[in-house]
Amino acid sequence: MKKIFGLILSLLVLTGCWDRREVNDLAFVTMTGYDKIDENQFRTSVQIPLPGAMGGAGSTGGGGGTQGGPYYIDSEIGRNIRESNDLLQRRMSRKTNFSHRRVIIIGEELARSGFKKTLDVLLDQPQSRITAYVLLTKGEALQILNAEPHLEKLSSEALRELSKENEGINVKNVLNDIWRPGKDPVIPVVLNNETENGTSKDKKKEAQLEGYAILKEDKLVFFTNSEETIGAKFLLNKKNHKNYTFPVEENGEVNVHFEKVNNKVSYRLINGKPTFTISFNISASIMQNEPNLELNNQETYDQVTNSLESSIQKQVLTLLNHSKSEGIDVYGLGWYLFRHENRLWERNLKENWREILPDLEVNVKVSSKITRSINPGINIKE
């Protein structure tokens, strides 16, 4: 009797997989692009792999679904991001699933008008990963989804690898920088560039990372130029920035490989106003000595290290001064004060920090040491 009662009870409790959704019924989105088309008009673009075309003949390289490639790209326009998603779903036979999304592309117009609400929508989707990489582009995000990488079947996978290699920014990082007092986001920029392969007809639009977007809260203010881009890598301590070329007066250029790059910030209060010093401690080895300088000579060694230090200092200050003039705290100096001088921050600096920034004194000091030349068996300086 007890066995029969237990069997009946189990039938009542075990309801089965009544709400299951088979893998064959899902469309896995690997990359999403968001654009602002006009006032109250937003476009969502998605890249969805086609499993049947991933390993078959004729699936080399990229290409949209209509071209027989290994992925399908589609987009829709709505009055907000959520509506554009819903409208896009109407013509898909499978339910879109965002649990495998690796990359999110933000178009320039949307970035200039503010995109925090877009990221908030992602947080509302339980499937969304806050570890998905965020990239900005000049122009529309849709064009980046149509990139045609040579080395990967999916442009989303190519961009994921590029972002990972360059210590990219993810959704969590961006939202943290928006929410933190005294810190503004810095996001890598992605562009489509045609491959440089001479007269070959196999030219494709490869996606590549090209500089940074500097934001004030969630709004794009400017894109970095070449000098500011290098300054950002040092300032944000991007450890992927391993090789560096700099001029040595009129003698040519020297290329070094960074063994160690550390930076730290210190401050002083003068009449209640902070003055900052950002110090860099660098250890490097020579990779290419184009002017064939004799580094065993102390005078020549000092000339090279001084050139290295002044070059880095100039590039870091270029970015700092530009961002400060726009009232942007690219390094997070205000966030540093929030943590170390909270009473001063809350009473005197919090409300008008952006007005203080343009006149804020920030010094940059660089100390470098070259330890080895190209031949690892030759010590240049102990």
Protein backbone atom coordinates (compact mmCIF):
# COMPACT_ATOMS: atom_id res chain seq x y z
CA MET A 1 0.00 0.00 0.00
CA LYS A 2 2.86 2.38 0.85
CA LYS A 3 4.48 1.66 -2.54
CA ILE A 4 1.25 2.48 -4.36
CA PHE A 5 0.82 5.71 -2.37
CA GLY A 6 4.43 6.73 -3.14
CA LEU A 7 3.88 6.06 -6.85
CA ILE A 8 0.73 8.21 -6.94
CA LEU A 9 2.50 11.02 -5.05
CA SER A 10 5.46 10.97 -7.45
CA LEU A 11 3.08 11.29 -10.41
CA LEU A 12 1.63 14.45 -8.87
CA VAL A 13 5.02 16.01 -8.10
CA LEU A 14 6.94 15.06 -11.24
CA THR A 15 5.24 17.17 -13.90
CA GLY A 16 7.76 16.51 -16.65
CA CYS A 17 9.41 18.97 -19.02
CA TRP A 18 6.24 20.73 -20.08
CA ASP A 19 8.03 24.02 -20.85
CA ARG A 20 11.15 22.59 -22.47
CA ARG A 21 12.59 24.16 -25.60
CA GLU A 22 14.71 21.94 -27.81
CA VAL A 23 18.06 23.14 -29.16
CA ASN A 24 16.67 22.77 -32.66
CA ASP A 25 14.05 25.40 -31.77
CA LEU A 26 16.62 28.04 -30.75
CA ALA A 27 18.57 30.63 -32.75
CA PHE A 28 21.77 31.39 -30.82
CA VAL A 29 22.86 35.01 -31.21
CA THR A 30 26.65 35.45 -31.11
CA MET A 31 26.85 39.21 -31.76
CA THR A 32 24.43 42.13 -31.52
CA GLY A 33 24.63 45.62 -32.99
CA TYR A 34 22.63 48.62 -31.79
CA ASP A 35 22.08 51.81 -33.80
CA LYS A 36 20.06 54.98 -33.41
CA ILE A 37 18.43 55.74 -36.77
CA ASP A 38 16.38 58.77 -35.78
CA GLU A 39 14.57 60.18 -32.77
CA ASN A 40 12.67 57.30 -31.19
CA GLN A 41 13.97 54.93 -33.89
CA PHE A 42 16.45 52.22 -32.86
CA ARG A 43 17.80 49.30 -34.85
CA THR A 44 18.83 45.94 -33.43
CA SER A 45 21.04 43.73 -35.60
CA VAL A 46 21.91 40.11 -34.81
CA GLN A 47 24.38 37.55 -36.09
CA ILE A 48 23.20 33.94 -35.86
CA PRO A 49 25.41 30.96 -36.86
CA LEU A 50 23.92 28.41 -39.23
CA PRO A 51 25.07 25.03 -37.87
CA GLY A 52 24.36 23.24 -41.14
CA ALA A 53 26.78 25.53 -42.99
CA MET A 54 29.58 25.62 -40.42
CA GLY A 55 31.51 22.63 -41.69
CA GLY A 56 30.13 22.01 -45.14
CA ALA A 57 31.67 22.69 -48.52
CA GLY A 58 31.48 26.26 -49.68
CA SER A 59 31.40 27.64 -46.15
CA THR A 60 34.86 29.19 -46.24
CA GLY A 61 35.11 32.70 -44.86
CA GLY A 62 32.23 34.84 -43.79
CA GLY A 63 29.05 35.94 -45.45
CA GLY A 64 25.43 36.45 -44.57
CA GLY A 65 22.83 33.75 -44.71
CA THR A 66 21.62 34.88 -48.11
CA GLN A 67 25.10 34.28 -49.56
CA GLY A 68 25.37 30.71 -48.34
CA GLY A 69 27.87 31.54 -45.60
CA PRO A 70 28.03 30.07 -42.10
CA TYR A 71 25.92 32.76 -40.47
CA TYR A 72 22.78 34.81 -40.92
CA ILE A 73 22.42 38.53 -40.25
CA ASP A 74 19.15 40.38 -39.82
CA SER A 75 17.99 43.64 -38.28
CA GLU A 76 14.82 45.50 -37.37
CA ILE A 77 13.87 49.03 -36.32
CA GLY A 78 11.61 49.84 -33.38
CA ARG A 79 10.77 52.69 -31.03
CA ASN A 80 13.13 51.17 -28.46
CA ILE A 81 15.56 48.29 -28.23
CA ARG A 82 13.02 45.91 -26.75
CA GLU A 83 10.49 46.58 -29.52
CA SER A 84 13.08 46.13 -32.27
CA ASN A 85 13.94 42.75 -30.72
CA ASP A 86 10.26 41.78 -30.70
CA LEU A 87 9.76 42.86 -34.33
CA LEU A 88 12.83 40.90 -35.38
CA GLN A 89 11.47 37.77 -33.71
CA ARG A 90 8.31 37.90 -35.86
CA ARG A 91 10.11 36.58 -38.93
CA MET A 92 12.31 34.04 -37.20
CA SER A 93 11.15 30.44 -37.06
CA ARG A 94 13.37 29.86 -34.02
CA LYS A 95 13.39 31.63 -30.68
CA THR A 96 16.39 33.94 -30.32
CA ASN A 97 18.68 33.01 -27.45
CA PHE A 98 21.38 35.40 -26.14
CA SER A 99 23.22 33.07 -23.76
CA HIS A 100 26.08 32.65 -26.26
CA ARG A 101 26.43 36.30 -27.23
CA ARG A 102 30.13 37.24 -27.20
CA VAL A 103 30.22 40.79 -28.57
CA ILE A 104 28.00 43.91 -28.50
CA ILE A 105 28.58 46.71 -31.01
CA ILE A 106 27.32 50.24 -30.30
CA GLY A 107 26.85 52.57 -33.30
CA GLU A 108 28.20 56.12 -33.20
CA GLU A 109 24.86 57.96 -33.18
CA LEU A 110 23.52 55.85 -30.33
CA ALA A 111 26.76 56.34 -28.39
CA ARG A 112 26.62 60.13 -28.78
CA SER A 113 23.04 60.26 -27.49
CA GLY A 114 23.69 57.87 -24.57
CA PHE A 115 23.35 54.09 -24.46
CA LYS A 116 22.98 53.18 -20.77
CA LYS A 117 19.33 52.26 -21.36
CA THR A 118 20.49 49.81 -24.01
CA LEU A 119 22.79 48.08 -21.54
CA ASP A 120 20.00 48.10 -18.95
CA VAL A 121 17.88 46.09 -21.41
CA LEU A 122 20.64 43.49 -21.54
CA LEU A 123 20.56 43.16 -17.76
CA ASP A 124 16.81 42.55 -17.97
CA GLN A 125 17.44 39.50 -20.17
CA PRO A 126 18.35 36.54 -17.91
CA GLN A 127 20.28 34.92 -20.78
CA SER A 128 22.59 37.89 -21.31
CA ARG A 129 26.22 37.66 -20.24
CA ILE A 130 27.66 40.70 -18.51
CA THR A 131 31.04 39.38 -19.67
CA ALA A 132 30.17 40.05 -23.33
CA TYR A 133 32.67 42.49 -24.86
CA VAL A 134 31.49 46.00 -25.74
CA LEU A 135 32.88 47.85 -28.78
CA LEU A 136 32.02 51.19 -30.37
CA THR A 137 32.27 51.97 -34.05
CA LYS A 138 32.36 55.04 -36.26
CA GLY A 139 29.15 54.93 -38.24
CA GLU A 140 26.62 52.13 -37.95
CA ALA A 141 27.03 48.93 -35.95
CA LEU A 142 25.40 46.85 -38.68
CA GLN A 143 28.43 47.25 -40.95
CA ILE A 144 30.66 45.57 -38.36
CA LEU A 145 28.40 42.52 -38.22
CA ASN A 146 28.98 42.14 -41.97
CA ALA A 147 32.78 41.97 -41.60
CA GLU A 148 34.39 39.00 -43.41
CA PRO A 149 37.30 37.59 -41.40
CA HIS A 150 39.78 35.30 -43.13
CA LEU A 151 40.88 33.36 -40.07
CA GLU A 152 37.51 32.75 -38.38
CA LYS A 153 34.19 31.53 -39.72
CA LEU A 154 32.27 34.12 -37.69
CA SER A 155 33.09 37.81 -37.33
CA SER A 156 31.77 37.57 -33.75
CA GLU A 157 34.48 35.03 -32.95
CA ALA A 158 37.16 37.18 -34.61
CA LEU A 159 36.09 40.20 -32.54
CA ARG A 160 35.94 38.15 -29.37
CA GLU A 161 39.52 37.00 -29.91
CA LEU A 162 40.67 40.55 -30.72
CA SER A 163 38.96 41.91 -27.61
CA LYS A 164 40.38 39.18 -25.40
CA GLU A 165 43.88 39.70 -26.75
CA ASN A 166 43.61 43.44 -26.15
CA GLU A 167 42.04 43.10 -22.69
CA GLY A 168 38.72 44.40 -23.92
CA ILE A 169 35.95 46.07 -21.96
CA ASN A 170 32.83 44.06 -21.11
CA VAL A 171 29.30 45.05 -20.10
CA LYS A 172 30.16 44.85 -16.40
CA ASN A 173 33.20 47.14 -16.82
CA VAL A 174 31.21 49.77 -18.73
CA LEU A 175 28.34 49.86 -16.26
CA ASN A 176 30.76 50.06 -13.32
CA ASP A 177 32.53 53.05 -14.89
CA ILE A 178 29.19 54.78 -15.56
CA TRP A 179 28.04 54.26 -11.98
CA ARG A 180 31.33 55.10 -10.26
CA PRO A 181 31.70 58.70 -9.12
CA GLY A 182 34.69 60.38 -10.73
CA LYS A 183 35.32 57.81 -13.48
CA ASP A 184 34.26 57.82 -17.13
CA PRO A 185 34.25 54.83 -19.51
CA VAL A 186 36.88 54.24 -22.19
CA ILE A 187 35.77 51.73 -24.84
CA PRO A 188 37.76 50.23 -27.75
CA VAL A 189 36.73 51.24 -31.28
CA VAL A 190 36.24 48.70 -34.07
CA LEU A 191 36.37 49.53 -37.79
CA ASN A 192 36.14 47.61 -41.05
CA ASN A 193 39.30 47.79 -43.16
CA GLU A 194 39.95 46.08 -46.47
CA THR A 195 42.74 43.52 -46.32
CA GLU A 196 46.06 44.62 -47.82
CA ASN A 197 47.02 41.73 -50.08
CA GLY A 198 48.30 43.40 -53.20
CA THR A 199 46.50 42.62 -56.43
CA SER A 200 44.73 39.56 -55.06
CA LYS A 201 41.00 39.44 -55.72
CA ASP A 202 40.45 37.84 -52.33
CA LYS A 203 39.98 41.18 -50.57
CA LYS A 204 37.64 41.26 -47.62
CA LYS A 205 36.52 43.76 -45.03
CA GLU A 206 38.32 42.68 -41.89
CA ALA A 207 37.28 44.12 -38.54
CA GLN A 208 40.14 45.65 -36.56
CA LEU A 209 40.48 47.56 -33.29
CA GLU A 210 41.46 51.16 -33.95
CA GLY A 211 41.74 53.52 -30.99
CA TYR A 212 39.37 54.30 -28.14
CA ALA A 213 36.09 56.08 -27.60
CA ILE A 214 36.17 58.53 -24.69
CA LEU A 215 32.82 58.96 -22.96
CA LYS A 216 31.27 61.32 -20.45
CA GLU A 217 29.09 58.98 -18.41
CA ASP A 218 27.30 57.02 -21.18
CA LYS A 219 27.72 59.57 -24.00
CA LEU A 220 30.49 59.52 -26.60
CA VAL A 221 32.50 62.77 -26.69
CA PHE A 222 35.50 62.02 -28.91
CA PHE A 223 37.61 59.32 -30.54
CA THR A 224 41.31 59.18 -29.74
CA ASN A 225 43.93 59.99 -32.36
CA SER A 226 47.09 57.87 -32.75
CA GLU A 227 49.02 59.57 -29.94
CA GLU A 228 46.07 59.55 -27.54
CA THR A 229 45.49 55.87 -28.30
CA ILE A 230 49.01 54.94 -27.16
CA GLY A 231 48.61 57.22 -24.14
CA ALA A 232 45.39 55.41 -23.24
CA LYS A 233 47.14 52.03 -23.31
CA PHE A 234 49.72 53.26 -20.80
CA LEU A 235 47.23 55.16 -18.68
CA LEU A 236 44.78 52.26 -18.46
CA ASN A 237 47.68 49.82 -17.94
CA LYS A 238 46.78 47.57 -20.87
CA LYS A 239 49.22 44.72 -20.42
CA ASN A 240 48.84 43.67 -24.06
CA HIS A 241 50.75 46.81 -25.06
CA LYS A 242 54.07 44.98 -25.13
CA ASN A 243 55.99 46.50 -28.05
CA TYR A 244 56.69 50.17 -28.55
CA THR A 245 58.59 52.23 -31.15
CA PHE A 246 59.93 55.69 -30.35
CA PRO A 247 62.32 58.15 -32.00
CA VAL A 248 65.80 58.84 -30.63
CA GLU A 249 66.47 62.43 -31.70
CA GLU A 250 67.60 62.45 -35.35
CA ASN A 251 69.12 59.00 -35.27
CA GLY A 252 66.03 56.98 -36.15
CA GLU A 253 63.68 54.75 -34.19
CA VAL A 254 64.18 52.12 -31.53
CA ASN A 255 61.73 49.31 -30.82
CA VAL A 256 61.43 47.89 -27.30
CA HIS A 257 59.52 45.08 -25.66
CA PHE A 258 58.07 45.93 -22.25
CA GLU A 259 58.90 43.43 -19.56
CA LYS A 260 57.10 45.43 -16.88
CA VAL A 261 54.82 48.48 -16.90
CA ASN A 262 53.48 49.67 -13.57
CA ASN A 263 51.71 52.90 -12.79
CA LYS A 264 50.50 54.44 -9.58
CA VAL A 265 48.86 57.69 -8.59
CA SER A 266 49.66 59.99 -5.68
CA TYR A 267 48.19 63.32 -4.64
CA ARG A 268 48.73 66.34 -2.44
CA LEU A 269 46.18 68.77 -1.05
CA ILE A 270 47.14 72.41 -1.53
CA ASN A 271 44.64 74.84 0.00
CA GLY A 272 42.03 72.09 -0.09
CA LYS A 273 42.60 71.38 -3.81
CA PRO A 274 44.15 68.11 -5.00
CA THR A 275 47.24 67.92 -7.22
CA PHE A 276 47.97 64.54 -8.79
CA THR A 277 51.10 62.78 -9.99
CA ILE A 278 50.86 59.63 -12.11
CA SER A 279 54.14 57.70 -12.04
CA PHE A 280 55.19 54.97 -14.49
CA ASN A 281 57.89 52.42 -13.76
CA ILE A 282 58.99 50.64 -16.95
CA SER A 283 61.43 47.84 -17.66
CA ALA A 284 62.12 47.04 -21.33
CA SER A 285 64.39 45.13 -23.68
CA ILE A 286 65.59 46.29 -27.09
CA MET A 287 63.97 44.47 -30.04
CA GLN A 288 65.26 46.59 -32.93
CA ASN A 289 68.11 49.07 -32.75
CA GLU A 290 67.68 50.76 -36.12
CA PRO A 291 70.30 53.52 -35.62
CA ASN A 292 72.74 50.89 -34.24
CA LEU A 293 73.31 52.78 -31.00
CA GLU A 294 75.96 51.53 -28.59
CA LEU A 295 73.96 51.12 -25.41
CA ASN A 296 76.97 50.04 -23.37
CA ASN A 297 77.98 53.67 -23.50
CA GLN A 298 76.39 55.42 -20.51
CA GLU A 299 75.74 58.66 -22.40
CA THR A 300 74.02 56.82 -25.24
CA TYR A 301 72.04 54.70 -22.79
CA ASP A 302 70.79 57.83 -21.01
CA GLN A 303 69.86 59.37 -24.35
CA VAL A 304 67.71 56.35 -25.29
CA THR A 305 65.98 56.06 -21.92
CA ASN A 306 65.30 59.80 -21.82
CA SER A 307 63.78 59.61 -25.31
CA LEU A 308 61.61 56.66 -24.22
CA GLU A 309 60.42 58.47 -21.10
CA SER A 310 59.65 61.77 -22.84
CA SER A 311 57.75 59.98 -25.63
CA ILE A 312 55.51 58.12 -23.17
CA GLN A 313 55.00 61.22 -21.04
CA LYS A 314 53.93 63.27 -24.06
CA GLN A 315 51.39 60.68 -25.24
CA VAL A 316 49.85 60.21 -21.79
CA LEU A 317 49.57 63.99 -21.24
CA THR A 318 48.02 64.43 -24.69
CA LEU A 319 45.11 62.20 -23.71
CA LEU A 320 44.84 63.56 -20.16
CA ASN A 321 44.78 67.20 -21.25
CA HIS A 322 42.23 66.59 -24.01
CA SER A 323 39.89 64.64 -21.75
CA LYS A 324 40.24 67.12 -18.87
CA SER A 325 39.38 70.01 -21.21
CA GLU A 326 36.10 68.20 -21.96
CA GLY A 327 35.37 67.66 -18.26
CA ILE A 328 36.08 63.93 -18.58
CA ASP A 329 37.88 61.88 -15.94
CA VAL A 330 39.46 59.22 -18.12
CA TYR A 331 41.80 57.85 -15.45
CA GLY A 332 39.42 57.93 -12.49
CA LEU A 333 41.13 60.59 -10.37
CA GLY A 334 37.79 61.45 -8.79
CA TRP A 335 37.17 57.78 -8.02
CA TYR A 336 40.59 57.72 -6.33
CA LEU A 337 39.56 60.68 -4.13
CA PHE A 338 36.20 59.06 -3.43
CA ARG A 339 38.04 56.11 -1.91
CA HIS A 340 40.92 57.92 -0.17
CA GLU A 341 39.50 61.36 0.73
CA ASN A 342 35.80 60.61 0.91
CA ARG A 343 34.91 63.45 3.27
CA LEU A 344 36.66 65.99 1.05
CA TRP A 345 35.03 64.47 -2.05
CA GLU A 346 31.51 64.51 -0.64
CA ARG A 347 31.74 68.03 0.82
CA ASN A 348 33.79 70.00 -1.71
CA LEU A 349 34.37 68.13 -4.96
CA LYS A 350 31.50 65.81 -5.83
CA GLU A 351 29.02 68.36 -7.18
CA ASN A 352 31.41 70.35 -9.39
CA TRP A 353 34.10 67.81 -10.25
CA ARG A 354 33.60 68.24 -14.02
CA GLU A 355 34.08 72.00 -13.69
CA ILE A 356 37.26 71.44 -11.64
CA LEU A 357 38.82 68.99 -14.10
CA PRO A 358 39.97 71.45 -16.83
CA ASP A 359 42.15 73.32 -14.30
CA LEU A 360 43.20 70.27 -12.29
CA GLU A 361 46.99 69.90 -12.09
CA VAL A 362 48.10 66.42 -13.16
CA ASN A 363 51.80 65.59 -13.54
CA VAL A 364 53.19 62.54 -15.33
CA LYS A 365 56.55 61.02 -14.38
CA VAL A 366 58.19 58.13 -16.24
CA SER A 367 61.13 56.08 -15.02
CA SER A 368 62.54 53.49 -17.44
CA LYS A 369 65.23 50.84 -17.48
CA ILE A 370 66.52 48.92 -20.49
CA THR A 371 67.87 45.59 -19.29
CA ARG A 372 68.59 43.52 -22.39
CA SER A 373 69.20 43.77 -26.11
CA ILE A 374 67.88 41.50 -28.88
CA ASN A 375 70.32 38.78 -27.91
CA PRO A 376 69.03 37.49 -24.54
CA GLY A 377 72.56 36.59 -23.52
CA ILE A 378 73.79 40.20 -23.54
CA ASN A 379 73.07 42.29 -20.46
CA ILE A 380 72.92 46.02 -21.22
CA LYS A 381 72.61 47.33 -17.68
CA GLU A 382 72.25 45.64 -14.35
